[in-house]
């Protein structure tokens, strides 16, 4: 599916299908900080708390990056002994609901099969809360947004501004909002939410 629905700003954490057991797992985006000085690169390459990668910035220039996976290492307060000029807070998630960077790398944690590790997100194919209607995929980020999506689909009023996930709901394609789609989507969403 293309359009605004695909470009919804994503939260820091989303519910995904575990690649091992296909049950619900949590994916959390990693935060990346550009390594400022070449002399700092070995620290980040050798640190068990960071994943070092060469990255391409928005202009196409290669830069050194240090990824921190809060889902694997705990909060940024666990970061210690950084080179001068860095602070653990550099790797904090933004205060806003949405992720702060463009990379699709993060951590996956599955409480069902204990799958845990670094994971490259493939959205919306990985979305746990996704249903198909007429060969098109309708998805939600997590259980909370899926519940609001269900409420919105079943509602006759359809007032997006009364929902926490209003910006997400505003981008739902119209073919999912039609009266004919309501019963099918509602049934499938309820089944998915019962998992």
Foldseek 3Di string as FASTA:
>chain_A
DDDPLVVDFAFQKFWFQPPPPGDTKIWGDWFKDFDDDPVQLVVLVPDPQWDWDFDQDPVRDTTIMTTGACVVQPQLVSDDDHDPPDDSCSGHADPDRGGDDDFQKYWIADPPPRDIDIDRDDPPVGHLQWDDDPNDIDGAGYLQRLVVVLVQLPDPVNDLVVHPPSVSSVGDDVVCNDPVNSVVSNVSSVVSSVD
